Amino acid sequence: MIPTVNELPNTNCPEILAYCHCIERIRHESFQVVTSLLSPNPTDVKVAQPLVAIAIAQRIDEIAASAMVLLLKGRERDAGILILSAYELQLDAMYMALASDRAAIWLDHARENVKPWKVRDLQTALFIDPCELQAEQGIYRKYSMIKHCNPVGGTFAFPIAVSRNQIQLDCAIDPRFTFVHLYGLGITVVRTLIAISSVARDLGFEIERTLCTLHSEKEHLNLLHKSYLTTNFPSK
């Protein structure tokens, strides 16, 4: 007997769809990044950097597509796990963009139980401003509670949160976390693509148009989220 899995319906919320359309446009630029990197190499380009950039562009695009499918169907917690993976990949891309020798370290990494660099070390190196660093660490900590099913995460990490004194059922019908997840996903993807595109440009690849488009879409996403926050959480 073949088991039956009922298909979850997609949302028709126009605000959510607006975020998804923006992320789709950003995703399209990952194809442009790969196309540029597969063009004839400029002279004296080290092999590691283009190879790593292609791998990262393809994976971040794949994550974004899967996460959006889940968010369109209201599976916020499951999408959160993918967003955390995208965030870690973003840190790698941004860190490698700061020094040309780091791509080879990433490419030659051979240990299955750890990544090339620790997340905390990457955050410390990338986010110099203490307030920004604290915010980035908080984001990573929050999403890690979903990934690792940490009971402290409450209904952010579980559909039913339990403690010794109460049981809390997540029965919210509004997509309260969906907008946060979509914005975080979009910013993570565009940061990643900007980082690897900047490296490609510095290596001599023709990618300036893609970079301009990515910066424009990043600004559009910021304005979209600002509008959502202003409308739904007006300042008192």
Protein backbone atom coordinates (compact mmCIF):
# COMPACT_ATOMS: atom_id res chain seq x y z
CA MET A 1 0.00 0.00 0.00
CA ILE A 2 1.37 3.39 -0.98
CA PRO A 3 1.05 5.91 1.83
CA THR A 4 -0.94 9.04 1.09
CA VAL A 5 0.60 12.39 1.86
CA ASN A 6 -1.82 15.29 1.71
CA GLU A 7 -0.44 18.32 -0.09
CA LEU A 8 -0.39 21.46 2.03
CA PRO A 9 -1.96 24.48 0.32
CA ASN A 10 0.10 27.54 -0.55
CA THR A 11 -0.76 30.85 1.01
CA ASN A 12 -2.40 33.54 -1.08
CA CYS A 13 -1.32 36.34 1.25
CA PRO A 14 -0.20 39.19 -1.06
CA GLU A 15 2.38 40.48 1.45
CA ILE A 16 4.06 37.09 1.68
CA LEU A 17 4.00 36.72 -2.10
CA ALA A 18 5.66 40.13 -2.48
CA TYR A 19 8.60 38.90 -0.38
CA CYS A 20 8.79 35.71 -2.43
CA HIS A 21 8.83 37.58 -5.73
CA CYS A 22 11.73 39.69 -4.47
CA ILE A 23 13.65 36.60 -3.36
CA GLU A 24 12.95 34.97 -6.72
CA ARG A 25 14.57 37.91 -8.48
CA ILE A 26 17.57 37.60 -6.17
CA ARG A 27 17.72 33.87 -6.89
CA HIS A 28 17.80 34.59 -10.61
CA GLU A 29 21.07 36.44 -10.08
CA SER A 30 22.69 33.27 -8.71
CA PHE A 31 22.33 31.86 -12.23
CA GLN A 32 23.99 34.99 -13.60
CA VAL A 33 26.85 34.58 -11.10
CA VAL A 34 27.47 30.97 -12.17
CA THR A 35 27.23 31.89 -15.86
CA SER A 36 29.83 34.62 -15.40
CA LEU A 37 32.17 32.32 -13.50
CA LEU A 38 31.94 29.64 -16.18
CA SER A 39 33.12 32.10 -18.82
CA PRO A 40 36.78 32.01 -19.86
CA ASN A 41 38.95 32.78 -16.86
CA PRO A 42 40.81 36.07 -16.72
CA THR A 43 44.57 35.60 -16.59
CA ASP A 44 46.31 34.44 -13.40
CA VAL A 45 43.08 33.57 -11.55
CA LYS A 46 43.53 30.95 -8.85
CA VAL A 47 41.31 27.91 -9.43
CA ALA A 48 39.93 27.72 -5.87
CA GLN A 49 38.03 30.99 -5.84
CA PRO A 50 35.79 30.47 -8.91
CA LEU A 51 35.12 26.84 -7.94
CA VAL A 52 34.09 27.77 -4.41
CA ALA A 53 31.94 30.64 -5.68
CA ILE A 54 30.07 28.34 -8.09
CA ALA A 55 29.42 25.79 -5.35
CA ILE A 56 28.15 28.42 -2.93
CA ALA A 57 25.95 30.14 -5.51
CA GLN A 58 24.26 26.87 -6.44
CA ARG A 59 23.73 25.76 -2.85
CA ILE A 60 22.36 29.10 -1.62
CA ASP A 61 19.92 29.08 -4.54
CA GLU A 62 18.82 25.56 -3.68
CA ILE A 63 18.29 26.44 -0.02
CA ALA A 64 16.29 29.54 -0.91
CA ALA A 65 13.97 27.60 -3.22
CA SER A 66 13.30 24.90 -0.61
CA ALA A 67 12.80 27.36 2.23
CA MET A 68 10.28 29.37 0.21
CA VAL A 69 8.27 26.23 -0.59
CA LEU A 70 8.00 25.55 3.14
CA LEU A 71 7.15 29.14 4.04
CA LEU A 72 4.46 29.33 1.37
CA LYS A 73 2.88 26.32 3.07
CA GLY A 74 3.21 27.72 6.59
CA ARG A 75 5.99 25.36 7.72
CA GLU A 76 7.91 28.10 9.53
CA ARG A 77 9.99 25.97 11.87
CA ASP A 78 11.17 23.62 9.13
CA ALA A 79 12.09 26.59 6.95
CA GLY A 80 14.03 28.03 9.87
CA ILE A 81 16.43 25.08 9.79
CA LEU A 82 17.26 25.78 6.15
CA ILE A 83 17.65 29.49 6.84
CA LEU A 84 20.24 28.67 9.50
CA SER A 85 22.17 26.61 6.94
CA ALA A 86 22.01 29.54 4.54
CA TYR A 87 23.25 31.88 7.26
CA GLU A 88 26.29 29.69 7.95
CA LEU A 89 27.06 29.57 4.23
CA GLN A 90 26.72 33.35 4.07
CA LEU A 91 29.33 33.73 6.82
CA ASP A 92 31.73 31.48 4.91
CA ALA A 93 31.24 33.48 1.70
CA MET A 94 31.70 36.85 3.38
CA TYR A 95 34.80 35.64 5.27
CA MET A 96 36.43 34.20 2.15
CA ALA A 97 35.77 37.45 0.31
CA LEU A 98 38.13 39.24 2.72
CA ALA A 99 41.24 37.22 1.81
CA SER A 100 42.09 35.32 -1.38
CA ASP A 101 43.80 32.37 0.34
CA ARG A 102 40.70 31.34 2.31
CA ALA A 103 38.93 29.79 -0.68
CA ALA A 104 41.67 27.14 -0.89
CA ILE A 105 41.24 26.37 2.81
CA TRP A 106 37.49 25.89 2.27
CA LEU A 107 38.06 23.79 -0.87
CA ASP A 108 40.68 21.54 0.76
CA HIS A 109 38.80 21.08 4.04
CA ALA A 110 38.64 17.35 4.85
CA ARG A 111 37.15 16.99 8.36
CA GLU A 112 33.60 15.64 8.44
CA ASN A 113 32.77 16.66 12.01
CA VAL A 114 33.58 20.39 11.76
CA LYS A 115 33.44 23.19 9.23
CA PRO A 116 36.56 25.08 8.17
CA TRP A 117 35.87 27.92 10.65
CA LYS A 118 33.77 28.31 13.77
CA VAL A 119 30.65 30.44 13.47
CA ARG A 120 31.57 32.61 16.44
CA ASP A 121 35.02 33.34 14.97
CA LEU A 122 33.47 34.28 11.64
CA GLN A 123 30.93 36.59 13.25
CA THR A 124 33.63 38.29 15.31
CA ALA A 125 35.77 38.85 12.21
CA LEU A 126 32.92 40.11 10.03
CA PHE A 127 30.87 42.29 12.35
CA ILE A 128 33.12 44.85 13.99
CA ASP A 129 30.41 47.01 15.50
CA PRO A 130 29.52 45.54 18.94
CA CYS A 131 25.79 46.14 18.49
CA GLU A 132 25.77 44.50 15.07
CA LEU A 133 27.80 41.57 16.38
CA GLN A 134 25.40 41.10 19.27
CA ALA A 135 22.44 41.14 16.89
CA GLU A 136 24.05 38.59 14.56
CA GLN A 137 24.88 36.30 17.47
CA GLY A 138 21.30 36.59 18.68
CA ILE A 139 19.96 35.63 15.27
CA TYR A 140 22.20 32.58 15.12
CA ARG A 141 21.29 31.56 18.68
CA LYS A 142 17.57 31.90 17.99
CA TYR A 143 17.63 29.84 14.79
CA SER A 144 19.88 27.24 16.39
CA MET A 145 17.08 26.56 18.89
CA ILE A 146 14.89 25.49 15.97
CA LYS A 147 17.58 23.31 14.38
CA HIS A 148 18.51 21.55 17.60
CA CYS A 149 14.96 21.40 19.00
CA ASN A 150 16.04 23.29 22.10
CA PRO A 151 13.06 23.35 24.52
CA VAL A 152 13.98 26.91 25.52
CA GLY A 153 12.80 27.95 22.05
CA GLY A 154 9.16 27.44 23.04
CA THR A 155 6.73 27.66 20.14
CA PHE A 156 9.44 29.19 17.95
CA ALA A 157 11.01 25.71 17.96
CA PHE A 158 8.05 23.42 18.75
CA PRO A 159 4.38 23.26 17.76
CA ILE A 160 3.66 22.42 21.40
CA ALA A 161 5.96 23.93 24.04
CA VAL A 162 6.01 22.23 27.41
CA SER A 163 7.39 23.03 30.84
CA ARG A 164 6.76 21.69 34.33
CA ASN A 165 3.96 24.19 34.83
CA GLN A 166 2.23 24.50 31.48
CA ILE A 167 1.63 23.27 27.96
CA GLN A 168 1.56 25.95 25.25
CA LEU A 169 0.02 25.13 21.90
CA ASP A 170 1.08 27.16 18.89
CA CYS A 171 -2.35 27.85 17.45
CA ALA A 172 -1.53 31.19 15.84
CA ILE A 173 -3.35 31.54 12.54
CA ASP A 174 -1.40 34.58 11.37
CA PRO A 175 2.00 34.06 9.73
CA ARG A 176 3.79 35.92 12.55
CA PHE A 177 7.19 34.42 11.90
CA THR A 178 6.86 33.96 8.15
CA PHE A 179 7.71 37.59 7.39
CA VAL A 180 10.75 37.44 9.67
CA HIS A 181 11.92 34.23 8.02
CA LEU A 182 11.39 35.56 4.50
CA TYR A 183 13.25 38.76 5.21
CA GLY A 184 16.09 36.87 6.88
CA LEU A 185 16.25 34.41 4.00
CA GLY A 186 16.34 37.16 1.40
CA ILE A 187 19.03 39.16 3.17
CA THR A 188 21.12 36.04 3.71
CA VAL A 189 20.94 35.04 0.05
CA VAL A 190 21.70 38.53 -1.26
CA ARG A 191 24.61 38.99 1.16
CA THR A 192 26.06 35.69 0.00
CA LEU A 193 25.74 36.50 -3.69
CA ILE A 194 27.16 40.00 -3.22
CA ALA A 195 30.18 38.54 -1.43
CA ILE A 196 31.03 36.00 -4.12
CA SER A 197 30.19 38.44 -6.93
CA SER A 198 32.57 41.01 -5.43
CA VAL A 199 35.32 38.41 -5.46
CA ALA A 200 34.53 37.51 -9.07
CA ARG A 201 34.64 41.19 -10.08
CA ASP A 202 37.99 41.67 -8.38
CA LEU A 203 39.29 38.64 -10.29
CA GLY A 204 38.33 40.27 -13.57
CA PHE A 205 35.08 38.47 -14.39
CA GLU A 206 32.31 40.47 -16.07
CA ILE A 207 29.79 40.66 -13.26
CA GLU A 208 29.23 44.35 -12.54
CA ARG A 209 25.63 44.33 -13.78
CA THR A 210 24.79 41.43 -11.48
CA LEU A 211 26.30 43.27 -8.52
CA CYS A 212 24.23 46.38 -9.26
CA THR A 213 21.07 44.28 -9.50
CA LEU A 214 21.81 42.53 -6.20
CA HIS A 215 22.33 45.82 -4.38
CA SER A 216 19.11 47.15 -5.87
CA GLU A 217 17.12 44.08 -4.82
CA LYS A 218 18.63 44.26 -1.34
CA GLU A 219 17.38 47.82 -1.02
CA HIS A 220 13.96 46.78 -2.34
CA LEU A 221 13.77 43.99 0.25
CA ASN A 222 14.72 46.40 3.03
CA LEU A 223 11.98 48.83 1.96
CA LEU A 224 9.46 46.01 1.71
CA HIS A 225 10.20 44.86 5.24
CA LYS A 226 10.22 48.39 6.60
CA SER A 227 6.77 48.92 5.10
CA TYR A 228 5.53 45.69 6.68
CA LEU A 229 6.86 46.67 10.12
CA THR A 230 5.49 50.20 9.90
CA THR A 231 2.04 48.94 8.92
CA ASN A 232 1.78 46.11 11.44
CA PHE A 233 3.80 47.48 14.33
CA PRO A 234 3.31 51.26 14.32
CA SER A 235 5.40 53.18 16.81
CA LYS A 236 3.47 54.53 19.76
